[in-house]
Amino acid sequence: MTIALLYTMDHCPYCERAKRLLESRQISTTIIDITGDNEEITKLSQRTGMHTLPQIWIDNDFVGGCDDLLRLDMAGKLR
C-alpha cells in the first residue's frame, strides 16, 4: 500500500491540486498543515532545500512539490 505525507498551507492552489490527485489515486495521505508555523516551515526548508509548498513524500521517499507529483503520475509511477 502506498502512503503519502503532504505538507500544505492554506489558500495554496498547488497544495489543493496535489491533495486531489492523491485522493483520485486512492493513496492514503497524511496532511500536515503548516500555515503560520514559521518554525516548522524553516525546518522543512532546511530538510528539503525547497521553499515552496506542497512538499510531498511517498513511502518515505521525498518526491518534491506538486509539479514533481504530476510528473510521477504522467509517467505512470503513481499508484
N, C-alpha and C. Protein backbone atom coordinates (compact mmCIF):
# COMPACT_ATOMS: atom_id res chain seq x y z
N MET A 1 0.84 -1.18 0.00
CA MET A 1 0.00 0.00 0.00
C MET A 1 0.88 1.24 0.00
N THR A 2 0.56 2.17 -0.87
CA THR A 2 1.30 3.43 -0.97
C THR A 2 0.77 4.40 0.07
N ILE A 3 1.69 5.09 0.73
CA ILE A 3 1.33 6.07 1.75
C ILE A 3 2.04 7.39 1.43
N ALA A 4 1.31 8.48 1.49
CA ALA A 4 1.88 9.80 1.20
C ALA A 4 1.83 10.69 2.44
N LEU A 5 2.81 11.56 2.53
CA LEU A 5 2.85 12.60 3.55
C LEU A 5 2.92 13.92 2.80
N LEU A 6 2.01 14.82 3.10
CA LEU A 6 1.85 16.04 2.35
C LEU A 6 1.85 17.24 3.30
N TYR A 7 2.87 18.09 3.18
CA TYR A 7 2.91 19.34 3.94
C TYR A 7 2.25 20.42 3.10
N THR A 8 1.28 21.12 3.69
CA THR A 8 0.49 22.09 2.96
C THR A 8 0.35 23.40 3.73
N MET A 9 -0.29 24.35 3.05
CA MET A 9 -0.59 25.65 3.61
C MET A 9 -1.97 26.08 3.10
N ASP A 10 -2.70 26.83 3.91
CA ASP A 10 -4.00 27.35 3.49
C ASP A 10 -3.86 28.20 2.23
N HIS A 11 -4.90 28.21 1.41
CA HIS A 11 -5.00 29.05 0.22
C HIS A 11 -3.89 28.78 -0.80
N CYS A 12 -3.45 27.55 -0.87
CA CYS A 12 -2.38 27.16 -1.80
C CYS A 12 -2.99 26.28 -2.89
N PRO A 13 -3.12 26.81 -4.11
CA PRO A 13 -3.75 26.01 -5.16
C PRO A 13 -2.94 24.76 -5.53
N TYR A 14 -1.63 24.82 -5.39
CA TYR A 14 -0.81 23.65 -5.70
C TYR A 14 -1.01 22.55 -4.64
N CYS A 15 -1.18 22.98 -3.40
CA CYS A 15 -1.46 22.02 -2.32
C CYS A 15 -2.79 21.32 -2.58
N GLU A 16 -3.79 22.08 -2.97
CA GLU A 16 -5.11 21.51 -3.26
C GLU A 16 -5.04 20.54 -4.44
N ARG A 17 -4.29 20.92 -5.46
CA ARG A 17 -4.16 20.05 -6.63
C ARG A 17 -3.49 18.73 -6.25
N ALA A 18 -2.43 18.81 -5.44
CA ALA A 18 -1.74 17.59 -5.01
C ALA A 18 -2.67 16.71 -4.17
N LYS A 19 -3.43 17.32 -3.27
CA LYS A 19 -4.39 16.57 -2.45
C LYS A 19 -5.40 15.84 -3.33
N ARG A 20 -5.95 16.55 -4.31
CA ARG A 20 -6.95 15.95 -5.20
C ARG A 20 -6.36 14.79 -6.01
N LEU A 21 -5.14 14.95 -6.48
CA LEU A 21 -4.52 13.88 -7.27
C LEU A 21 -4.30 12.64 -6.40
N LEU A 22 -3.75 12.83 -5.21
CA LEU A 22 -3.52 11.69 -4.33
C LEU A 22 -4.83 11.00 -3.97
N GLU A 23 -5.86 11.79 -3.72
CA GLU A 23 -7.18 11.24 -3.43
C GLU A 23 -7.73 10.45 -4.62
N SER A 24 -7.57 11.00 -5.81
CA SER A 24 -8.09 10.32 -7.01
C SER A 24 -7.38 8.99 -7.26
N ARG A 25 -6.14 8.89 -6.82
CA ARG A 25 -5.38 7.65 -6.97
C ARG A 25 -5.56 6.73 -5.77
N GLN A 26 -6.41 7.15 -4.84
CA GLN A 26 -6.73 6.40 -3.63
C GLN A 26 -5.48 6.06 -2.82
N ILE A 27 -4.60 7.05 -2.73
CA ILE A 27 -3.38 6.91 -1.95
C ILE A 27 -3.64 7.47 -0.55
N SER A 28 -3.40 6.65 0.45
CA SER A 28 -3.57 7.07 1.84
C SER A 28 -2.61 8.22 2.12
N THR A 29 -3.17 9.35 2.58
CA THR A 29 -2.37 10.56 2.73
C THR A 29 -2.55 11.17 4.10
N THR A 30 -1.42 11.49 4.72
CA THR A 30 -1.41 12.28 5.95
C THR A 30 -1.09 13.70 5.54
N ILE A 31 -1.97 14.63 5.91
CA ILE A 31 -1.80 16.03 5.55
C ILE A 31 -1.39 16.81 6.79
N ILE A 32 -0.29 17.54 6.66
CA ILE A 32 0.19 18.37 7.76
C ILE A 32 0.14 19.82 7.29
N ASP A 33 -0.78 20.57 7.88
CA ASP A 33 -0.97 21.98 7.52
C ASP A 33 -0.02 22.82 8.38
N ILE A 34 0.91 23.51 7.74
CA ILE A 34 1.89 24.31 8.48
C ILE A 34 1.65 25.81 8.29
N THR A 35 0.43 26.17 7.98
CA THR A 35 0.07 27.58 7.82
C THR A 35 0.45 28.35 9.08
N GLY A 36 1.25 29.39 8.92
CA GLY A 36 1.60 30.27 10.04
C GLY A 36 2.63 29.71 11.00
N ASP A 37 3.10 28.48 10.79
CA ASP A 37 4.08 27.87 11.69
C ASP A 37 5.49 28.09 11.11
N ASN A 38 6.01 29.29 11.36
CA ASN A 38 7.29 29.68 10.76
C ASN A 38 8.43 28.76 11.16
N GLU A 39 8.40 28.25 12.37
CA GLU A 39 9.45 27.33 12.82
C GLU A 39 9.43 26.04 12.00
N GLU A 40 8.25 25.49 11.80
CA GLU A 40 8.12 24.25 11.01
C GLU A 40 8.46 24.50 9.55
N ILE A 41 8.07 25.64 9.03
CA ILE A 41 8.39 25.99 7.64
C ILE A 41 9.91 26.07 7.46
N THR A 42 10.60 26.68 8.41
CA THR A 42 12.06 26.78 8.36
C THR A 42 12.70 25.40 8.43
N LYS A 43 12.24 24.56 9.35
CA LYS A 43 12.78 23.20 9.48
C LYS A 43 12.59 22.41 8.19
N LEU A 44 11.41 22.52 7.62
CA LEU A 44 11.10 21.79 6.39
C LEU A 44 12.00 22.27 5.24
N SER A 45 12.18 23.57 5.14
CA SER A 45 13.05 24.13 4.09
C SER A 45 14.49 23.66 4.25
N GLN A 46 14.96 23.61 5.49
CA GLN A 46 16.32 23.13 5.75
C GLN A 46 16.45 21.64 5.41
N ARG A 47 15.41 20.89 5.68
CA ARG A 47 15.43 19.44 5.43
C ARG A 47 15.44 19.11 3.93
N THR A 48 14.67 19.88 3.15
CA THR A 48 14.48 19.53 1.73
C THR A 48 15.20 20.45 0.76
N GLY A 49 15.55 21.65 1.21
CA GLY A 49 16.12 22.64 0.31
C GLY A 49 15.08 23.36 -0.52
N MET A 50 13.82 23.02 -0.32
CA MET A 50 12.71 23.67 -1.03
C MET A 50 12.10 24.76 -0.16
N HIS A 51 11.62 25.81 -0.82
CA HIS A 51 11.00 26.91 -0.09
C HIS A 51 9.54 27.12 -0.50
N THR A 52 8.98 26.13 -1.17
CA THR A 52 7.59 26.21 -1.61
C THR A 52 6.81 25.01 -1.09
N LEU A 53 5.51 25.13 -1.14
CA LEU A 53 4.61 24.05 -0.75
C LEU A 53 3.71 23.73 -1.92
N PRO A 54 3.20 22.52 -1.98
CA PRO A 54 3.35 21.45 -1.02
C PRO A 54 4.72 20.80 -1.13
N GLN A 55 5.05 20.06 -0.08
CA GLN A 55 6.20 19.19 -0.09
C GLN A 55 5.67 17.79 0.20
N ILE A 56 6.09 16.84 -0.63
CA ILE A 56 5.44 15.54 -0.66
C ILE A 56 6.45 14.41 -0.51
N TRP A 57 6.10 13.46 0.35
CA TRP A 57 6.84 12.20 0.48
C TRP A 57 5.89 11.07 0.13
N ILE A 58 6.40 10.07 -0.55
CA ILE A 58 5.62 8.87 -0.82
C ILE A 58 6.45 7.68 -0.37
N ASP A 59 5.86 6.89 0.51
CA ASP A 59 6.56 5.74 1.09
C ASP A 59 7.94 6.14 1.61
N ASN A 60 7.99 7.26 2.34
CA ASN A 60 9.20 7.79 2.98
C ASN A 60 10.25 8.32 2.01
N ASP A 61 9.95 8.40 0.72
CA ASP A 61 10.86 8.97 -0.26
C ASP A 61 10.37 10.37 -0.62
N PHE A 62 11.27 11.34 -0.56
CA PHE A 62 10.90 12.71 -0.90
C PHE A 62 10.65 12.81 -2.39
N VAL A 63 9.46 13.27 -2.77
CA VAL A 63 9.07 13.43 -4.17
C VAL A 63 9.38 14.84 -4.65
N GLY A 64 9.08 15.84 -3.83
CA GLY A 64 9.24 17.23 -4.21
C GLY A 64 7.90 17.94 -4.05
N GLY A 65 7.56 18.75 -5.04
CA GLY A 65 6.33 19.53 -4.99
C GLY A 65 5.26 19.00 -5.91
N CYS A 66 4.28 19.83 -6.16
CA CYS A 66 3.13 19.44 -6.98
C CYS A 66 3.55 19.05 -8.40
N ASP A 67 4.40 19.84 -9.02
CA ASP A 67 4.83 19.51 -10.39
C ASP A 67 5.54 18.16 -10.44
N ASP A 68 6.34 17.88 -9.42
CA ASP A 68 7.04 16.58 -9.37
C ASP A 68 6.04 15.43 -9.23
N LEU A 69 5.01 15.65 -8.42
CA LEU A 69 3.97 14.65 -8.25
C LEU A 69 3.23 14.42 -9.57
N LEU A 70 2.92 15.49 -10.27
CA LEU A 70 2.24 15.38 -11.56
C LEU A 70 3.09 14.62 -12.57
N ARG A 71 4.41 14.88 -12.57
CA ARG A 71 5.31 14.15 -13.48
C ARG A 71 5.31 12.66 -13.17
N LEU A 72 5.33 12.30 -11.89
CA LEU A 72 5.26 10.89 -11.50
C LEU A 72 3.98 10.26 -12.01
N ASP A 73 2.89 10.97 -11.87
CA ASP A 73 1.59 10.45 -12.31
C ASP A 73 1.58 10.27 -13.81
N MET A 74 2.06 11.25 -14.56
CA MET A 74 2.06 11.15 -16.02
C MET A 74 2.97 10.03 -16.53
N ALA A 75 4.00 9.70 -15.73
CA ALA A 75 4.90 8.62 -16.09
C ALA A 75 4.36 7.25 -15.66
N GLY A 76 3.18 7.27 -15.03
CA GLY A 76 2.56 6.00 -14.60
C GLY A 76 3.18 5.42 -13.34
N LYS A 77 3.92 6.24 -12.60
CA LYS A 77 4.62 5.75 -11.40
C LYS A 77 3.89 6.07 -10.10
N LEU A 78 2.72 6.64 -10.20
CA LEU A 78 1.95 7.00 -9.01
C LEU A 78 0.81 6.00 -8.87
N ARG A 79 0.91 5.13 -7.93
CA ARG A 79 -0.12 4.11 -7.73
C ARG A 79 -0.37 3.90 -6.27
